[in-house]
Protein backbone atom coordinates (compact mmCIF):
# COMPACT_ATOMS: atom_id res chain seq x y z
CA MET A 1 17.20 19.20 2.55
CA THR A 2 20.13 16.77 2.40
CA ASN A 3 21.68 18.48 5.41
CA PHE A 4 18.61 17.58 7.44
CA VAL A 5 18.68 13.84 6.72
CA GLU A 6 19.74 11.81 9.75
CA CYS A 7 20.77 8.15 9.68
CA LEU A 8 19.66 6.12 12.70
CA THR A 9 21.16 2.68 13.22
CA ASP A 10 20.06 2.23 16.85
CA PRO A 11 16.48 0.87 17.13
CA SER A 12 16.00 2.62 20.45
CA LEU A 13 16.66 6.00 18.81
CA ALA A 14 14.49 5.24 15.79
CA GLY A 15 11.59 4.13 17.97
CA GLU A 16 8.38 3.28 16.11
CA LEU A 17 10.09 4.16 12.81
CA TRP A 18 12.16 0.95 13.10
CA SER A 19 10.37 -1.55 10.88
CA ASP A 20 11.42 -5.06 12.00
CA ASP A 21 14.47 -7.24 12.57
CA ARG A 22 15.49 -6.80 8.91
CA THR A 23 15.88 -3.03 9.34
CA VAL A 24 19.49 -1.86 9.13
CA ALA A 25 18.91 1.91 9.29
CA VAL A 26 16.19 4.54 9.38
CA PHE A 27 16.67 7.85 7.57
CA THR A 28 14.69 10.82 8.88
CA ALA A 29 14.21 14.33 7.49
CA ARG A 30 14.17 17.08 10.13
CA PRO A 31 14.21 20.40 8.23
CA GLN A 32 12.32 22.16 11.04
CA GLY A 33 13.55 20.06 13.95
CA ALA A 34 10.64 17.61 13.95
CA VAL A 35 10.58 14.50 11.77
CA GLU A 36 8.77 15.35 8.53
CA GLY A 37 9.36 12.03 6.80
CA SER A 38 11.33 8.83 7.10
CA VAL A 39 12.57 5.86 5.09
CA ALA A 40 13.49 2.51 6.64
CA LEU A 41 16.20 0.51 4.84
CA LEU A 42 15.60 -3.24 5.00
CA ASP A 43 18.10 -5.99 4.28
CA LEU A 44 16.04 -8.92 2.96
CA GLY A 45 19.09 -11.19 2.85
CA ALA A 46 18.53 -12.15 -0.78
CA PRO A 47 21.56 -13.80 -2.44
CA ASP A 48 21.04 -11.55 -5.48
CA ALA A 49 22.55 -8.17 -4.61
CA ALA A 50 19.98 -6.46 -6.83
CA LEU A 51 17.12 -7.83 -4.70
CA ARG A 52 18.65 -7.55 -1.26
CA TYR A 53 17.79 -3.98 -0.21
CA VAL A 54 14.34 -2.40 0.01
CA ALA A 55 13.44 1.11 1.19
CA VAL A 56 10.11 1.59 2.98
CA PRO A 57 8.95 5.25 2.95
CA ASP A 58 6.35 6.43 5.43
CA ARG A 59 3.23 8.10 4.10
CA SER A 60 4.33 11.57 5.17
CA ALA A 61 7.64 11.44 3.32
CA GLU A 62 6.48 12.57 -0.13
CA GLU A 63 7.90 16.11 -0.02
CA CYS A 64 11.29 14.97 1.26
CA LEU A 65 11.48 11.57 -0.40
CA THR A 66 14.32 12.31 -2.83
CA PRO A 67 17.05 13.08 -0.24
CA LEU A 68 15.82 10.26 2.01
CA LEU A 69 16.05 7.71 -0.81
CA ARG A 70 19.39 9.10 -1.93
CA ALA A 71 20.78 8.52 1.57
CA ALA A 72 19.27 5.02 1.68
CA ALA A 73 20.79 4.24 -1.73
CA ASP A 74 24.23 5.34 -0.55
CA ALA A 75 23.93 3.03 2.47
CA ALA A 76 22.76 0.10 0.34
CA ARG A 77 25.59 0.68 -2.15
CA THR A 78 28.18 0.77 0.65
CA ALA A 79 26.80 -2.52 1.96
CA GLY A 80 27.24 -4.19 -1.43
CA GLY A 81 23.76 -3.77 -2.90
CA THR A 82 23.49 -3.22 -6.64
CA ALA A 83 19.94 -1.84 -6.64
CA LEU A 84 17.47 -0.22 -4.28
CA ARG A 85 13.75 -0.90 -4.55
CA TRP A 86 10.80 0.92 -3.00
CA THR A 87 7.03 1.06 -3.43
CA VAL A 88 4.88 4.20 -3.33
CA GLU A 89 1.23 4.93 -4.01
CA GLU A 90 0.77 7.65 -6.62
CA THR A 91 -1.37 8.96 -9.45
CA GLY A 92 1.45 9.80 -11.86
CA PRO A 93 5.21 9.42 -12.34
CA GLY A 94 6.87 9.87 -8.94
CA LYS A 95 8.98 13.00 -8.48
CA ALA A 96 11.63 11.12 -6.50
CA ALA A 97 11.88 8.38 -9.11
CA LEU A 98 12.34 10.95 -11.89
CA GLU A 99 14.95 12.92 -9.96
CA LEU A 100 16.94 9.82 -8.99
CA GLY A 101 16.69 8.11 -12.37
CA ALA A 102 14.81 5.06 -11.07
CA ARG A 103 12.71 2.87 -13.36
CA GLU A 104 9.25 1.46 -12.77
CA SER A 105 9.69 -2.27 -12.17
CA ALA A 106 6.13 -3.36 -11.28
CA GLU A 107 2.60 -2.20 -10.65
CA VAL A 108 1.71 -3.69 -7.27
CA TYR A 109 -1.97 -2.78 -7.33
CA ARG A 110 -4.41 -0.23 -8.71
CA TRP A 111 -7.44 1.30 -7.02
CA TRP A 112 -10.85 0.67 -8.58
CA ARG A 113 -13.85 2.88 -7.77
CA ARG A 114 -17.63 2.98 -8.09
CA ASP A 115 -20.28 5.41 -6.91
CA LEU A 116 -22.53 4.74 -3.93
CA PRO A 117 -25.25 3.84 -3.28
CA ALA A 118 -24.63 0.71 -5.30
CA GLY A 119 -28.16 -0.63 -5.16
CA VAL A 120 -27.08 -4.28 -5.30
CA PRO A 121 -28.56 -7.17 -3.31
CA GLY A 122 -26.48 -8.65 -0.51
CA GLY A 123 -24.20 -11.49 -1.60
CA ASP A 124 -24.83 -14.99 -0.30
CA GLY A 125 -22.49 -16.80 2.08
CA ALA A 126 -20.66 -13.75 3.45
CA GLU A 127 -20.60 -13.02 7.18
CA ARG A 128 -20.21 -9.58 8.71
CA GLN A 129 -17.73 -9.43 11.60
CA LEU A 130 -16.95 -6.68 14.07
CA PRO A 131 -13.45 -5.16 13.97
CA ASP A 132 -10.95 -6.61 16.42
CA GLY A 133 -10.00 -3.17 17.71
CA GLY A 134 -6.45 -3.40 16.41
CA GLY A 135 -6.89 -1.52 13.15
CA PRO A 136 -8.83 1.11 11.24
CA ALA A 137 -11.54 -1.19 9.82
CA ALA A 138 -15.17 -0.33 10.58
CA PHE A 139 -16.14 -3.92 9.86
CA ARG A 140 -15.02 -7.08 8.10
CA ILE A 141 -17.13 -8.98 5.58
CA ALA A 142 -15.84 -12.51 5.04
CA THR A 143 -16.36 -15.98 3.66
CA GLU A 144 -14.29 -19.04 4.51
CA GLU A 145 -11.74 -18.14 1.84
CA ALA A 146 -11.74 -14.34 1.36
CA TRP A 147 -12.58 -11.09 3.12
CA TYR A 148 -12.67 -7.33 3.01
CA ASP A 149 -11.65 -5.08 5.88
CA VAL A 150 -13.80 -2.02 5.23
CA GLU A 151 -12.40 1.36 6.27
CA LEU A 152 -14.30 4.64 6.16
CA ALA A 153 -12.36 7.70 4.96
CA GLY A 154 -14.53 10.80 4.79
CA ASP A 155 -17.24 10.12 2.22
CA ARG A 156 -15.44 7.06 0.80
CA ALA A 157 -15.28 3.41 1.80
CA LEU A 158 -11.98 1.57 1.26
CA LEU A 159 -12.44 -2.18 0.80
CA VAL A 160 -9.09 -3.80 1.61
CA HIS A 161 -9.16 -7.29 0.13
CA ASP A 162 -7.30 -10.42 1.15
CA ARG A 163 -7.72 -14.17 0.82
CA GLU A 164 -5.90 -17.30 1.94
CA VAL A 165 -6.88 -19.60 -0.93
CA ASP A 166 -7.91 -19.20 -4.53
CA SER A 167 -11.46 -18.03 -5.11
CA THR A 168 -13.62 -17.77 -8.19
CA ALA A 169 -14.86 -14.57 -9.78
CA ASP A 170 -18.40 -15.61 -8.87
CA LYS A 171 -17.58 -15.93 -5.18
CA LEU A 172 -15.64 -12.66 -5.15
CA THR A 173 -18.55 -10.93 -6.88
CA ALA A 174 -20.87 -12.15 -4.12
CA LEU A 175 -18.45 -11.04 -1.41
CA THR A 176 -18.03 -7.58 -2.94
CA ALA A 177 -21.78 -7.22 -3.40
CA ALA A 178 -22.27 -8.08 0.28
CA ALA A 179 -19.86 -5.32 1.28
CA LEU A 180 -21.62 -2.80 -0.97
CA HIS A 181 -25.02 -3.81 0.42
CA ILE A 182 -23.85 -3.17 4.01
CA LEU A 183 -22.45 0.22 2.99
CA ASP A 184 -25.75 1.17 1.33
CA THR A 185 -27.74 0.05 4.38
CA ASP A 186 -25.59 1.19 7.29
CA HIS A 187 -23.62 4.11 5.83
CA PRO A 188 -25.97 5.97 3.44
CA GLY A 189 -23.87 9.16 3.45
CA LEU A 190 -20.99 7.60 1.53
CA THR A 191 -20.50 8.57 -2.11
CA ALA A 192 -17.94 6.03 -3.35
CA ALA A 193 -16.35 2.66 -2.68
CA GLU A 194 -12.76 1.83 -3.65
CA VAL A 195 -10.95 -1.51 -3.90
CA ASN A 196 -7.32 -2.18 -4.79
CA ALA A 197 -6.51 -5.11 -7.06
CA ALA A 198 -3.23 -6.52 -8.32
CA PRO A 199 -2.86 -6.55 -12.12
CA GLU A 200 -2.54 -10.35 -12.15
CA ASP A 201 -5.65 -10.89 -9.98
CA THR A 202 -8.03 -11.61 -12.84
CA GLU A 203 -10.71 -13.11 -10.59
CA LEU A 204 -11.04 -10.00 -8.43
CA ARG A 205 -10.82 -7.66 -11.41
CA THR A 206 -13.62 -9.60 -13.12
CA ALA A 207 -15.75 -9.31 -9.98
CA LEU A 208 -15.16 -5.56 -9.83
CA GLU A 209 -16.04 -5.09 -13.50
CA ARG A 210 -19.29 -7.00 -12.99
CA LEU A 211 -20.23 -4.57 -10.20
CA ARG A 212 -19.36 -1.52 -12.33
CA PHE A 213 -16.11 -0.57 -10.62
CA THR A 214 -13.68 1.22 -12.93
CA PRO A 215 -9.88 1.56 -12.61
CA THR A 216 -8.51 4.89 -11.38
CA PRO A 217 -5.11 6.57 -11.90
CA SER A 218 -4.20 5.84 -8.25
CA ARG A 219 -1.89 2.86 -7.91
CA ALA A 220 1.04 1.42 -5.98
CA VAL A 221 4.23 1.23 -8.03
CA GLU A 222 7.55 -0.46 -7.31
CA TYR A 223 10.61 1.46 -8.48
CA THR A 224 14.16 0.17 -8.88
CA LEU A 225 17.25 2.39 -8.70
CA PRO A 226 20.45 0.79 -10.05
CA LEU A 227 23.40 1.44 -7.75
CA VAL A 228 26.23 0.53 -10.12
């Protein structure tokens, strides 16, 4: 596989694989001629050489992630980096991390799940909004301080949470209940709802526990590979 890893340093050649103005290279795997996975190497400009370089794998890169990350690590090392970090979503120890000798440095978030229909009343103070057409969300349910973009994936609903200011567990419980009520009413064929929550987000985790969500093995993990 290593022989099929290509390093692209020209944004025009990398095309949509080029992440942003911090990208210094994109590594692609082409074992059959077509791109089967890619990793973008970002230079965050951090003064600490151990925090400067981040690899961003695409979602299709799982089978070829080890050689892609190895190439990205070589490039980061040559540029003076002392560690390479990346984040992947997984249900168990990552194959690439084990093969490269990387260590888990943080849990970014974990998915929580509950069966549908939920049978909960609609939460107060939340407003349903139509999607803006620029993403995969079927609808947004929002208050002045927090919201869910709700995506439908087969028989599941993915509630992607965000908020601009702190919110209480009570308000987040009401917001989550409002999303579940809409799913029960407008999408009766769904069997489960899933929400991701950061380990330090105690308010959201409390809200999910109140509504009988339970944590799953699926989570996003940051790995760190020392380069010295």
